[in-house]
Protein backbone atom coordinates (compact mmCIF):
# COMPACT_ATOMS: atom_id res chain seq x y z
CA MET A 1 76.92 12.86 10.71
CA VAL A 2 75.13 13.92 13.90
CA HIS A 3 75.20 11.57 16.83
CA HIS A 4 71.68 10.67 17.89
CA SER A 5 70.58 9.44 21.33
CA SER A 6 70.46 5.71 21.93
CA PHE A 7 67.56 6.25 24.41
CA VAL A 8 64.80 5.62 21.87
CA ASP A 9 62.89 3.09 23.91
CA GLU A 10 60.56 5.17 26.07
CA GLU A 11 58.51 2.42 27.50
CA GLY A 12 57.67 3.20 31.09
CA ILE A 13 59.31 6.68 30.97
CA SER A 14 57.18 9.56 32.09
CA LYS A 15 57.13 12.87 30.14
CA ALA A 16 56.76 16.51 30.78
CA CYS A 17 56.34 18.97 27.88
CA GLY A 18 56.90 16.16 25.47
CA CYS A 19 60.37 15.47 26.95
CA PRO A 20 61.11 12.03 28.36
CA LEU A 21 62.27 12.24 31.98
CA PHE A 22 65.05 9.72 31.83
CA PRO A 23 66.66 8.29 34.97
CA LEU A 24 69.89 10.01 36.05
CA LYS A 25 72.81 8.94 38.20
CA SER A 26 71.91 11.62 40.76
CA HIS A 27 69.51 11.97 43.66
CA GLY A 28 66.71 14.43 42.99
CA PRO A 29 63.26 14.56 41.38
CA ALA A 30 64.45 12.49 38.41
CA PRO A 31 64.23 8.71 38.62
CA ASP A 32 67.46 7.04 39.78
CA SER A 33 69.64 5.19 37.22
CA ASP A 34 72.19 2.48 37.90
CA GLN A 35 75.63 3.97 38.51
CA ASP A 36 77.12 1.39 36.08
CA LYS A 37 74.81 2.27 33.16
CA THR A 38 75.27 5.16 30.72
CA ASP A 39 72.56 7.82 31.13
CA ILE A 40 71.56 10.70 28.89
CA VAL A 41 74.07 13.01 30.61
CA ASP A 42 76.99 10.67 29.84
CA GLU A 43 75.77 10.45 26.28
CA ALA A 44 75.48 14.25 25.83
CA ILE A 45 79.01 14.83 27.14
CA SER A 46 80.53 12.09 25.02
CA PHE A 47 78.76 13.31 21.81
CA PHE A 48 79.28 17.02 22.54
CA ARG A 49 82.52 17.60 20.72
CA ALA A 50 81.10 16.02 17.58
CA ASN A 51 77.63 17.44 17.70
CA VAL A 52 78.58 21.03 18.47
CA PHE A 53 79.83 21.50 14.87
CA PHE A 54 76.35 21.08 13.36
CA ARG A 55 74.02 23.88 12.43
CA ASN A 56 71.12 21.51 11.94
CA PHE A 57 70.07 18.47 13.96
CA ASP A 58 67.64 15.98 12.55
CA ILE A 59 65.47 14.85 15.40
CA LYS A 60 64.72 11.13 15.28
CA SER A 61 63.28 10.69 18.85
CA PRO A 62 62.21 12.77 21.83
CA ALA A 63 65.53 11.82 23.41
CA ASP A 64 67.27 13.81 20.62
CA LYS A 65 65.46 16.92 21.82
CA LEU A 66 66.92 16.46 25.30
CA LEU A 67 70.33 15.82 23.71
CA ILE A 68 70.01 19.12 21.85
CA TYR A 69 69.08 20.93 25.07
CA LEU A 70 72.06 19.35 26.92
CA THR A 71 74.49 20.07 24.14
CA PHE A 72 73.49 23.75 24.29
CA HIS A 73 73.80 23.70 28.07
CA ILE A 74 77.26 22.15 27.81
CA ASN A 75 78.20 24.96 25.42
CA VAL A 76 76.98 27.62 27.88
CA ALA A 77 78.82 25.92 30.77
CA LEU A 78 82.08 25.81 28.78
CA LYS A 79 81.65 29.46 28.01
CA ARG A 80 81.46 30.19 31.72
CA LEU A 81 84.53 28.04 32.34
CA GLU A 82 86.55 29.61 29.57
CA GLY A 83 88.31 32.13 31.78
CA CYS A 84 88.66 29.88 34.88
CA ARG A 85 92.27 28.87 35.36
CA THR A 86 91.72 26.39 38.22
CA LEU A 87 89.18 23.80 39.19
CA THR A 88 88.23 25.78 42.29
CA VAL A 89 87.33 28.85 40.23
CA GLY A 90 85.59 26.69 37.65
CA ASN A 91 83.51 25.02 40.30
CA LYS A 92 82.33 28.41 41.55
CA ALA A 93 81.41 29.41 38.06
CA ILE A 94 79.34 26.22 37.62
CA ILE A 95 77.66 26.77 40.97
CA ASN A 96 76.66 30.28 39.88
CA LEU A 97 75.34 28.82 36.61
CA GLY A 98 73.20 26.37 38.65
CA LEU A 99 71.69 29.23 40.62
CA GLU A 100 70.31 30.89 37.50
CA ASN A 101 66.62 30.69 36.60
CA VAL A 102 65.68 27.73 34.46
CA PRO A 103 63.05 28.77 31.87
CA VAL A 104 60.65 26.23 30.43
CA PRO A 105 59.02 26.36 27.03
CA GLY A 106 56.84 29.36 26.61
CA GLU A 107 58.88 31.50 28.94
CA GLN A 108 61.35 34.17 27.84
CA GLY A 109 64.90 32.88 27.82
CA PHE A 110 64.13 29.30 26.79
CA PRO A 111 66.76 28.71 24.09
CA PHE A 112 64.77 26.55 21.66
CA PRO A 113 61.19 27.84 21.19
CA GLY A 114 59.15 25.08 19.40
CA LEU A 115 61.46 22.22 20.45
CA PHE A 116 59.22 21.24 23.30
CA PRO A 117 55.50 21.97 23.56
CA ILE A 118 54.34 24.61 26.07
CA PRO A 119 53.26 22.99 29.40
CA LYS A 120 49.58 22.27 29.76
CA SER A 121 49.50 23.13 33.45
CA ASN A 122 51.56 24.77 36.16
CA GLY A 123 52.27 21.35 37.64
CA GLU A 124 53.77 20.12 34.34
CA ALA A 125 55.80 23.33 34.06
CA GLU A 126 57.25 22.82 37.57
CA LEU A 127 57.95 19.18 37.01
CA PHE A 128 59.82 20.05 33.78
CA ARG A 129 61.62 22.92 35.43
CA ASP A 130 62.78 20.72 38.29
CA TYR A 131 63.96 18.00 35.87
CA LEU A 132 65.80 20.57 33.72
CA LYS A 133 67.38 22.05 36.79
CA GLU A 134 68.57 18.66 38.05
CA ILE A 135 69.84 17.54 34.66
CA ARG A 136 71.71 20.83 34.12
CA GLU A 137 73.38 20.60 37.54
CA GLU A 138 74.29 16.96 36.94
CA THR A 139 75.70 17.77 33.47
CA SER A 140 77.72 20.71 34.77
CA GLY A 141 79.16 18.67 37.58
CA ARG A 142 80.24 15.92 35.29
CA LEU A 143 81.60 18.36 32.80
CA LEU A 144 84.06 19.65 35.37
CA SER A 145 85.74 16.24 35.47
CA VAL A 146 86.52 16.36 31.75
CA ALA A 147 87.10 20.15 31.43
CA TYR A 148 89.81 20.03 34.11
CA ARG A 149 92.68 17.56 34.60
CA ALA A 150 93.27 15.65 37.85
CA ASN A 151 95.76 18.33 38.95
CA GLY A 152 93.11 21.11 38.61
CA THR A 153 94.44 22.69 35.41
CA PRO A 154 92.14 23.39 32.46
CA ASN A 155 91.93 20.81 29.64
CA LYS A 156 92.43 22.93 26.58
CA TRP A 157 91.04 20.11 24.34
CA TRP A 158 87.64 20.71 26.00
CA LEU A 159 87.64 24.41 26.78
CA ALA A 160 88.51 25.25 23.16
CA PHE A 161 84.96 24.20 22.29
CA ALA A 162 83.59 27.18 24.23
CA LYS A 163 84.09 29.30 21.11
CA ARG A 164 81.77 27.05 19.01
CA LYS A 165 78.15 28.08 18.36
CA PHE A 166 75.89 25.08 18.50
CA MET A 167 73.08 25.33 15.89
CA ASN A 168 74.35 28.86 15.20
CA ILE A 169 72.97 30.08 18.55
CA VAL A 170 74.97 32.68 20.40
CA THR A 171 75.48 31.56 24.00
CA PRO A 172 74.80 34.04 26.78
């Protein structure tokens, strides 16, 4: 059974392109979350190894859409880390991933056309792009702490999932 997001209460949460802009434990354009509380990034990383096996994902809330996007991004990041034998090399690969263009719905390269509505204005598109960029960087940074052990060697129990195709989508 697919793990769904627990962030179903969207009261007071702003949206862009139909995606809730949940608070994160980082400092950027996204609202700040308490460091002690679980955020959507923690949830995506903890559910990844179970959710990556599914070809279909029944969406029960808008938070599930963001969970799908993050699961795909984790899959892409693990693919980039696959050949990195040390944490230092993996960190460089993640930094390079963060420098890539972040497409929004309606642009070429967005992995899930139809998952989020096309932005109604350039301002909404830029807000969503900034949020996706921040959440991708935060997810990638936290992923390094589970994909590599404390001594800097790869954790094969995480990097083995780089070979999986989430929702039957080939990762770039």
